[in-house]
Amino acid sequence: MQVNIYAFQSNFMLVVLVVLLAVKGFAFVNALTWSVEAYDAAGKLTKQAWCAITGLGFVAQLILISSSPLGIIHLAFTIAALVYLADVRPALAEVTSHR
């Protein structure tokens, strides 16, 4: 039985692409759910800024779906979404009782 390394790499990149799309989509939707006051109380960037950053990342991922998920645009927006999820989201939860 021969293993086609190119098929494995292609499938692996597809999985990475889908996971990163889900992360960016979740970060965008979550950024939309918090109030403007929560962002101010947490001392983070404004709601509009985080919605723009995560939304642009999600849209860029959808538009550039056929490109490598390791491209510079994908990496920059992935890092931004992960910063939101790791830093901003817990701070928002700490300052408010989310619906």
Foldseek 3Di string as FASTA:
>chain_A
DDDDVVVVVVVVQLVVLVVLLVLLVVLLVLLVQADQVLCVVLVHDGSVVSNVLSVVLNVVSVVVVVDGCPDPSNVVSSVSSVCCVPPVVVSSVVVDPRD
